[in-house]
Amino acid sequence: MDGVINIYKEAGWTSFDVVAKMRGILKIKKIGHTGTLDPAATGVLPVCIGKGTKKVESFMADDKVYRAVMLLGVTTDSQDMTGEILSESEVNAAVPEVREAIMGFVGGYEQLPPMYSARKVGGKKLVDLARRGVEVERKPRFVNIMEIEIESIELPRVTMTVTCSKGTYIRTLCHDIGQKLGCGAAMESLLRTRVGRFKLEDAVKLGDLQKLADEDRLEEVVITDIF
């Protein structure tokens, strides 16, 4: 088998867990995902198999779309609600002010990678250092926020859909919006709805992939027109 399978990553799984599980289901060794999703996040995770692994880098460069819930008035060490709460404050901003602050991030900006991330500094993953209580200097990275669609503002929560370039951390975007508003913010939930051409509605759960394998129907979900 050579190509891509558009997987729906469920909560609780790391991207590495998904690849390991798929090795067992597909009974192949040459396999790789196209961009990490945090364990608590869900959604689209294209996984390349066989000769498709040659396309991993190009798929990682694709634009991505996320649906996120941002909680204002709180900050955490991981910038999402899985982390330790660092501060809590009242949200005094009115809805128009919140909307203006969010939309102010559309376009390019220098984003500082969070310590709880797979990014490496000096050959070591930031997340490994963070778990040991070590914080190191990081260089900001230019990211591009192409579009933000605000679905609802029910303070202190905001639900929004973000279209962005590779390397963008949505939890850091939430954190930065909170800093701009002066009340802090953390990401409460994250759903990736698109990676390049791969869409949420076409994604396959691991349980369904196992059933297809048992029924010898894997060809139905292997996307081969990528070469």
C-alpha atoms as a PDB file:
ATOM      1  CA  MET A   1       0.000   0.000   0.000  1.00  0.00           C
ATOM      2  CA  ASP A   2       1.289   3.417  -1.024  1.00  0.00           C
ATOM      3  CA  GLY A   3      -0.507   6.688  -0.363  1.00  0.00           C
ATOM      4  CA  VAL A   4      -2.236   8.576   2.446  1.00  0.00           C
ATOM      5  CA  ILE A   5      -4.980   7.691   4.898  1.00  0.00           C
ATOM      6  CA  ASN A   6      -6.924  10.614   6.348  1.00  0.00           C
ATOM      7  CA  ILE A   7      -7.256   9.637  10.007  1.00  0.00           C
ATOM      8  CA  TYR A   8      -9.588  11.202  12.575  1.00  0.00           C
ATOM      9  CA  LYS A   9      -7.427  11.425  15.688  1.00  0.00           C
ATOM     10  CA  GLU A  10      -9.512  10.979  18.797  1.00  0.00           C
ATOM     11  CA  ALA A  11      -8.802  12.613  22.162  1.00  0.00           C
ATOM     12  CA  GLY A  12      -6.255  10.898  24.369  1.00  0.00           C
ATOM     13  CA  TRP A  13      -4.096   9.625  21.525  1.00  0.00           C
ATOM     14  CA  THR A  14      -0.730  11.120  20.646  1.00  0.00           C
ATOM     15  CA  SER A  15       0.136  11.317  16.946  1.00  0.00           C
ATOM     16  CA  PHE A  16       2.844   8.722  17.669  1.00  0.00           C
ATOM     17  CA  ASP A  17       0.197   6.425  19.230  1.00  0.00           C
ATOM     18  CA  VAL A  18      -1.843   6.647  16.025  1.00  0.00           C
ATOM     19  CA  VAL A  19       1.134   5.691  13.858  1.00  0.00           C
ATOM     20  CA  ALA A  20       2.018   2.786  16.160  1.00  0.00           C
ATOM     21  CA  LYS A  21      -1.566   1.488  16.100  1.00  0.00           C
ATOM     22  CA  MET A  22      -1.716   1.793  12.318  1.00  0.00           C
ATOM     23  CA  ARG A  23       1.485  -0.211  11.930  1.00  0.00           C
ATOM     24  CA  GLY A  24      -0.322  -3.069  13.624  1.00  0.00           C
ATOM     25  CA  ILE A  25      -3.529  -2.667  11.626  1.00  0.00           C
ATOM     26  CA  LEU A  26      -1.855  -2.282   8.236  1.00  0.00           C
ATOM     27  CA  LYS A  27       1.071  -4.609   9.006  1.00  0.00           C
ATOM     28  CA  ILE A  28       3.582  -2.241   7.411  1.00  0.00           C
ATOM     29  CA  LYS A  29       6.605  -0.428   8.824  1.00  0.00           C
ATOM     30  CA  LYS A  30       6.938   2.501   6.434  1.00  0.00           C
ATOM     31  CA  ILE A  31       4.474   4.980   7.877  1.00  0.00           C
ATOM     32  CA  GLY A  32       4.527   8.552   9.169  1.00  0.00           C
ATOM     33  CA  HIS A  33       2.136  11.318  10.215  1.00  0.00           C
ATOM     34  CA  THR A  34       2.161  14.786   8.691  1.00  0.00           C
ATOM     35  CA  GLY A  35       2.117  17.021  11.758  1.00  0.00           C
ATOM     36  CA  THR A  36       1.636  16.557  15.478  1.00  0.00           C
ATOM     37  CA  LEU A  37      -1.702  17.037  17.185  1.00  0.00           C
ATOM     38  CA  ASP A  38      -1.671  17.369  20.984  1.00  0.00           C
ATOM     39  CA  PRO A  39      -3.219  14.396  22.847  1.00  0.00           C
ATOM     40  CA  ALA A  40      -6.274  16.421  23.930  1.00  0.00           C
ATOM     41  CA  ALA A  41      -6.880  17.715  20.384  1.00  0.00           C
ATOM     42  CA  THR A  42      -9.002  15.874  17.826  1.00  0.00           C
ATOM     43  CA  GLY A  43      -9.457  15.889  14.091  1.00  0.00           C
ATOM     44  CA  VAL A  44      -7.630  15.476  10.811  1.00  0.00           C
ATOM     45  CA  LEU A  45      -4.273  13.665  10.867  1.00  0.00           C
ATOM     46  CA  PRO A  46      -3.110  12.585   7.399  1.00  0.00           C
ATOM     47  CA  VAL A  47      -0.867   9.516   7.710  1.00  0.00           C
ATOM     48  CA  CYS A  48       1.442   8.573   4.845  1.00  0.00           C
ATOM     49  CA  ILE A  49       2.127   4.914   4.121  1.00  0.00           C
ATOM     50  CA  GLY A  50       4.622   3.114   1.887  1.00  0.00           C
ATOM     51  CA  LYS A  51       5.985   5.345  -0.864  1.00  0.00           C
ATOM     52  CA  GLY A  52       3.576   8.009   0.358  1.00  0.00           C
ATOM     53  CA  THR A  53       6.040   8.790   3.161  1.00  0.00           C
ATOM     54  CA  LYS A  54       8.068  10.705   0.584  1.00  0.00           C
ATOM     55  CA  LYS A  55       5.269  13.294   0.663  1.00  0.00           C
ATOM     56  CA  VAL A  56       5.286  13.898   4.427  1.00  0.00           C
ATOM     57  CA  GLU A  57       7.248  17.152   4.238  1.00  0.00           C
ATOM     58  CA  SER A  58       5.053  18.633   1.515  1.00  0.00           C
ATOM     59  CA  PHE A  59       1.865  17.824   3.434  1.00  0.00           C
ATOM     60  CA  MET A  60       3.322  19.304   6.624  1.00  0.00           C
ATOM     61  CA  ALA A  61       3.754  22.582   4.746  1.00  0.00           C
ATOM     62  CA  ASP A  62       0.027  22.767   3.896  1.00  0.00           C
ATOM     63  CA  ASP A  63      -2.288  25.360   5.432  1.00  0.00           C
ATOM     64  CA  LYS A  64      -4.458  24.101   8.268  1.00  0.00           C
ATOM     65  CA  VAL A  65      -7.898  24.916   9.669  1.00  0.00           C
ATOM     66  CA  TYR A  66      -8.826  24.574  13.349  1.00  0.00           C
ATOM     67  CA  ARG A  67     -11.983  25.072  15.382  1.00  0.00           C
ATOM     68  CA  ALA A  68     -11.016  26.228  18.865  1.00  0.00           C
ATOM     69  CA  VAL A  69     -12.718  27.244  22.076  1.00  0.00           C
ATOM     70  CA  MET A  70     -10.788  29.941  23.954  1.00  0.00           C
ATOM     71  CA  LEU A  71     -11.376  30.545  27.661  1.00  0.00           C
ATOM     72  CA  LEU A  72     -10.637  34.113  28.743  1.00  0.00           C
ATOM     73  CA  GLY A  73      -9.568  35.032  32.258  1.00  0.00           C
ATOM     74  CA  VAL A  74      -7.138  32.189  32.889  1.00  0.00           C
ATOM     75  CA  THR A  75      -3.518  31.349  32.050  1.00  0.00           C
ATOM     76  CA  THR A  76      -1.795  27.961  32.300  1.00  0.00           C
ATOM     77  CA  ASP A  77       1.749  26.689  31.896  1.00  0.00           C
ATOM     78  CA  SER A  78       0.769  24.752  28.755  1.00  0.00           C
ATOM     79  CA  GLN A  79      -1.484  27.515  27.348  1.00  0.00           C
ATOM     80  CA  ASP A  80      -4.410  25.074  27.296  1.00  0.00           C
ATOM     81  CA  MET A  81      -6.664  23.669  30.013  1.00  0.00           C
ATOM     82  CA  THR A  82      -4.651  20.457  30.384  1.00  0.00           C
ATOM     83  CA  GLY A  83      -1.923  22.438  32.164  1.00  0.00           C
ATOM     84  CA  GLU A  84      -1.456  23.910  35.612  1.00  0.00           C
ATOM     85  CA  ILE A  85      -3.374  27.132  36.196  1.00  0.00           C
ATOM     86  CA  LEU A  86      -1.011  30.049  36.716  1.00  0.00           C
ATOM     87  CA  SER A  87      -3.496  32.910  37.098  1.00  0.00           C
ATOM     88  CA  GLU A  88      -7.200  33.709  37.064  1.00  0.00           C
ATOM     89  CA  SER A  89      -8.786  37.105  36.592  1.00  0.00           C
ATOM     90  CA  GLU A  90     -12.071  38.769  35.730  1.00  0.00           C
ATOM     91  CA  VAL A  91     -12.899  39.420  32.099  1.00  0.00           C
ATOM     92  CA  ASN A  92     -13.827  43.089  31.961  1.00  0.00           C
ATOM     93  CA  ALA A  93     -13.624  43.445  28.183  1.00  0.00           C
ATOM     94  CA  ALA A  94     -16.876  43.910  26.281  1.00  0.00           C
ATOM     95  CA  VAL A  95     -17.757  41.750  23.282  1.00  0.00           C
ATOM     96  CA  PRO A  96     -16.732  44.395  20.682  1.00  0.00           C
ATOM     97  CA  GLU A  97     -13.342  44.750  22.385  1.00  0.00           C
ATOM     98  CA  VAL A  98     -12.833  40.981  22.404  1.00  0.00           C
ATOM     99  CA  ARG A  99     -13.783  40.779  18.745  1.00  0.00           C
ATOM    100  CA  GLU A 100     -11.390  43.587  17.828  1.00  0.00           C
ATOM    101  CA  ALA A 101      -8.509  41.966  19.730  1.00  0.00           C
ATOM    102  CA  ILE A 102      -9.056  38.620  18.005  1.00  0.00           C
ATOM    103  CA  MET A 103      -9.316  40.061  14.507  1.00  0.00           C
ATOM    104  CA  GLY A 104      -6.150  42.069  15.151  1.00  0.00           C
ATOM    105  CA  PHE A 105      -4.200  38.814  14.811  1.00  0.00           C
ATOM    106  CA  VAL A 106      -5.274  38.202  11.206  1.00  0.00           C
ATOM    107  CA  GLY A 107      -2.155  38.428   9.072  1.00  0.00           C
ATOM    108  CA  GLY A 108       1.439  37.597   9.875  1.00  0.00           C
ATOM    109  CA  TYR A 109       2.984  37.861  13.321  1.00  0.00           C
ATOM    110  CA  GLU A 110       5.954  36.612  15.327  1.00  0.00           C
ATOM    111  CA  GLN A 111       4.745  33.805  17.578  1.00  0.00           C
ATOM    112  CA  LEU A 112       6.815  32.505  20.489  1.00  0.00           C
ATOM    113  CA  PRO A 113       6.657  28.664  20.582  1.00  0.00           C
ATOM    114  CA  PRO A 114       5.287  27.372  23.912  1.00  0.00           C
ATOM    115  CA  MET A 115       7.519  25.382  26.248  1.00  0.00           C
ATOM    116  CA  TYR A 116       5.014  22.529  26.120  1.00  0.00           C
ATOM    117  CA  SER A 117       5.655  21.699  22.472  1.00  0.00           C
ATOM    118  CA  ALA A 118       7.573  19.233  20.325  1.00  0.00           C
ATOM    119  CA  ARG A 119       9.823  22.017  19.017  1.00  0.00           C
ATOM    120  CA  LYS A 120      13.505  21.348  19.695  1.00  0.00           C
ATOM    121  CA  VAL A 121      16.131  23.706  21.129  1.00  0.00           C
ATOM    122  CA  GLY A 122      19.694  22.438  21.288  1.00  0.00           C
ATOM    123  CA  GLY A 123      18.522  18.995  20.199  1.00  0.00           C
ATOM    124  CA  LYS A 124      16.086  18.658  23.103  1.00  0.00           C
ATOM    125  CA  LYS A 125      12.303  18.794  22.923  1.00  0.00           C
ATOM    126  CA  LEU A 126      10.882  21.805  24.719  1.00  0.00           C
ATOM    127  CA  VAL A 127       8.159  19.666  26.302  1.00  0.00           C
ATOM    128  CA  ASP A 128      10.763  17.389  27.909  1.00  0.00           C
ATOM    129  CA  LEU A 129      12.515  20.402  29.390  1.00  0.00           C
ATOM    130  CA  ALA A 130       9.211  21.892  30.557  1.00  0.00           C
ATOM    131  CA  ARG A 131       8.284  18.697  32.397  1.00  0.00           C
ATOM    132  CA  ARG A 132      11.552  19.000  34.332  1.00  0.00           C
ATOM    133  CA  GLY A 133      10.704  22.576  35.253  1.00  0.00           C
ATOM    134  CA  VAL A 134      13.304  24.031  32.902  1.00  0.00           C
ATOM    135  CA  GLU A 135      12.436  27.051  30.744  1.00  0.00           C
ATOM    136  CA  VAL A 136      14.798  28.024  27.951  1.00  0.00           C
ATOM    137  CA  GLU A 137      14.997  30.962  25.588  1.00  0.00           C
ATOM    138  CA  ARG A 138      13.064  30.436  22.371  1.00  0.00           C
ATOM    139  CA  LYS A 139      13.132  32.401  19.154  1.00  0.00           C
ATOM    140  CA  PRO A 140       9.817  33.731  17.820  1.00  0.00           C
ATOM    141  CA  ARG A 141       8.638  32.179  14.585  1.00  0.00           C
ATOM    142  CA  PHE A 142       6.752  34.011  11.860  1.00  0.00           C
ATOM    143  CA  VAL A 143       3.290  32.528  11.307  1.00  0.00           C
ATOM    144  CA  ASN A 144       0.454  33.618   9.082  1.00  0.00           C
ATOM    145  CA  ILE A 145      -3.167  33.727  10.235  1.00  0.00           C
ATOM    146  CA  MET A 146      -5.077  33.849   6.961  1.00  0.00           C
ATOM    147  CA  GLU A 147      -8.567  33.984   8.433  1.00  0.00           C
ATOM    148  CA  ILE A 148     -10.385  33.947  11.763  1.00  0.00           C
ATOM    149  CA  GLU A 149     -14.128  33.314  11.783  1.00  0.00           C
ATOM    150  CA  ILE A 150     -15.668  34.062  15.171  1.00  0.00           C
ATOM    151  CA  GLU A 151     -18.573  31.659  15.606  1.00  0.00           C
ATOM    152  CA  SER A 152     -19.723  32.800  19.025  1.00  0.00           C
ATOM    153  CA  ILE A 153     -18.699  34.999  21.946  1.00  0.00           C
ATOM    154  CA  GLU A 154     -20.305  33.932  25.218  1.00  0.00           C
ATOM    155  CA  LEU A 155     -17.865  35.390  27.712  1.00  0.00           C
ATOM    156  CA  PRO A 156     -15.614  34.108  29.057  1.00  0.00           C
ATOM    157  CA  ARG A 157     -15.649  31.647  26.105  1.00  0.00           C
ATOM    158  CA  VAL A 158     -15.049  32.342  22.428  1.00  0.00           C
ATOM    159  CA  THR A 159     -15.520  29.749  19.681  1.00  0.00           C
ATOM    160  CA  MET A 160     -13.604  30.488  16.485  1.00  0.00           C
ATOM    161  CA  THR A 161     -12.317  28.845  13.318  1.00  0.00           C
ATOM    162  CA  VAL A 162      -8.740  29.697  12.353  1.00  0.00           C
ATOM    163  CA  THR A 163      -7.054  29.174   8.992  1.00  0.00           C
ATOM    164  CA  CYS A 164      -3.287  29.358   9.391  1.00  0.00           C
ATOM    165  CA  SER A 165       0.139  28.448   8.079  1.00  0.00           C
ATOM    166  CA  LYS A 166       2.210  25.496   9.236  1.00  0.00           C
ATOM    167  CA  GLY A 167       3.901  25.856  12.599  1.00  0.00           C
ATOM    168  CA  THR A 168       1.090  27.911  14.136  1.00  0.00           C
ATOM    169  CA  TYR A 169       0.157  27.045  17.714  1.00  0.00           C
ATOM    170  CA  ILE A 170      -3.519  27.795  18.292  1.00  0.00           C
ATOM    171  CA  ARG A 171      -3.098  27.624  22.081  1.00  0.00           C
ATOM    172  CA  THR A 172      -0.379  30.264  21.780  1.00  0.00           C
ATOM    173  CA  LEU A 173      -2.709  32.371  19.643  1.00  0.00           C
ATOM    174  CA  CYS A 174      -5.297  32.117  22.435  1.00  0.00           C
ATOM    175  CA  HIS A 175      -2.647  33.031  25.000  1.00  0.00           C
ATOM    176  CA  ASP A 176      -1.561  36.043  22.941  1.00  0.00           C
ATOM    177  CA  ILE A 177      -5.143  37.254  22.515  1.00  0.00           C
ATOM    178  CA  GLY A 178      -5.569  37.016  26.286  1.00  0.00           C
ATOM    179  CA  GLN A 179      -2.400  39.039  26.825  1.00  0.00           C
ATOM    180  CA  LYS A 180      -3.649  41.697  24.446  1.00  0.00           C
ATOM    181  CA  LEU A 181      -6.929  41.933  26.378  1.00  0.00           C
ATOM    182  CA  GLY A 182      -5.087  42.020  29.703  1.00  0.00           C
ATOM    183  CA  CYS A 183      -7.075  39.174  31.261  1.00  0.00           C
ATOM    184  CA  GLY A 184      -5.181  36.134  29.991  1.00  0.00           C
ATOM    185  CA  ALA A 185      -6.596  33.209  28.020  1.00  0.00           C
ATOM    186  CA  ALA A 186      -6.095  29.513  27.455  1.00  0.00           C
ATOM    187  CA  MET A 187      -7.337  27.097  24.816  1.00  0.00           C
ATOM    188  CA  GLU A 188     -10.137  24.885  26.108  1.00  0.00           C
ATOM    189  CA  SER A 189     -10.593  22.576  23.125  1.00  0.00           C
ATOM    190  CA  LEU A 190      -9.219  22.098  19.615  1.00  0.00           C
ATOM    191  CA  LEU A 191     -10.544  20.331  16.529  1.00  0.00           C
ATOM    192  CA  ARG A 192      -8.499  20.279  13.317  1.00  0.00           C
ATOM    193  CA  THR A 193     -10.948  20.329  10.429  1.00  0.00           C
ATOM    194  CA  ARG A 194      -8.596  20.483   7.457  1.00  0.00           C
ATOM    195  CA  VAL A 195      -4.982  19.901   6.433  1.00  0.00           C
ATOM    196  CA  GLY A 196      -4.497  21.001   2.840  1.00  0.00           C
ATOM    197  CA  ARG A 197      -6.861  18.861   0.757  1.00  0.00           C
ATOM    198  CA  PHE A 198      -7.714  16.497   3.627  1.00  0.00           C
ATOM    199  CA  LYS A 199     -11.039  17.327   5.298  1.00  0.00           C
ATOM    200  CA  LEU A 200     -12.733  16.314   8.537  1.00  0.00           C
ATOM    201  CA  GLU A 201     -15.790  14.829   6.837  1.00  0.00           C
ATOM    202  CA  ASP A 202     -13.604  12.304   5.003  1.00  0.00           C
ATOM    203  CA  ALA A 203     -11.479  11.263   8.010  1.00  0.00           C
ATOM    204  CA  VAL A 204     -11.537   7.681   9.309  1.00  0.00           C
ATOM    205  CA  LYS A 205     -11.402   6.625  12.959  1.00  0.00           C
ATOM    206  CA  LEU A 206      -8.930   3.914  13.953  1.00  0.00           C
ATOM    207  CA  GLY A 207     -11.748   1.584  14.962  1.00  0.00           C
ATOM    208  CA  ASP A 208     -13.283   1.855  11.492  1.00  0.00           C
ATOM    209  CA  LEU A 209      -9.855   1.360   9.905  1.00  0.00           C
ATOM    210  CA  GLN A 210      -9.502  -1.896  11.834  1.00  0.00           C
ATOM    211  CA  LYS A 211     -12.897  -3.058  10.541  1.00  0.00           C
ATOM    212  CA  LEU A 212     -11.909  -2.245   6.958  1.00  0.00           C
ATOM    213  CA  ALA A 213      -8.667  -4.194   7.430  1.00  0.00           C
ATOM    214  CA  ASP A 214     -10.593  -7.174   8.820  1.00  0.00           C
ATOM    215  CA  GLU A 215     -12.891  -7.051   5.777  1.00  0.00           C
ATOM    216  CA  ASP A 216      -9.964  -6.620   3.333  1.00  0.00           C
ATOM    217  CA  ARG A 217     -11.342  -3.230   2.201  1.00  0.00           C
ATOM    218  CA  LEU A 218      -8.450  -0.905   3.045  1.00  0.00           C
ATOM    219  CA  GLU A 219      -8.167   0.259  -0.553  1.00  0.00           C
ATOM    220  CA  GLU A 220     -11.383   2.233   0.036  1.00  0.00           C
ATOM    221  CA  VAL A 221      -9.564   4.706   2.295  1.00  0.00           C
ATOM    222  CA  VAL A 222      -6.032   4.768   0.872  1.00  0.00           C
ATOM    223  CA  ILE A 223      -5.641   7.969  -1.183  1.00  0.00           C
ATOM    224  CA  THR A 224      -3.244   7.259  -4.028  1.00  0.00           C
ATOM    225  CA  ASP A 225      -3.495  10.315  -6.307  1.00  0.00           C
ATOM    226  CA  ILE A 226      -0.699  12.141  -4.476  1.00  0.00           C
ATOM    227  CA  PHE A 227       2.265  11.142  -6.631  1.00  0.00           C
END
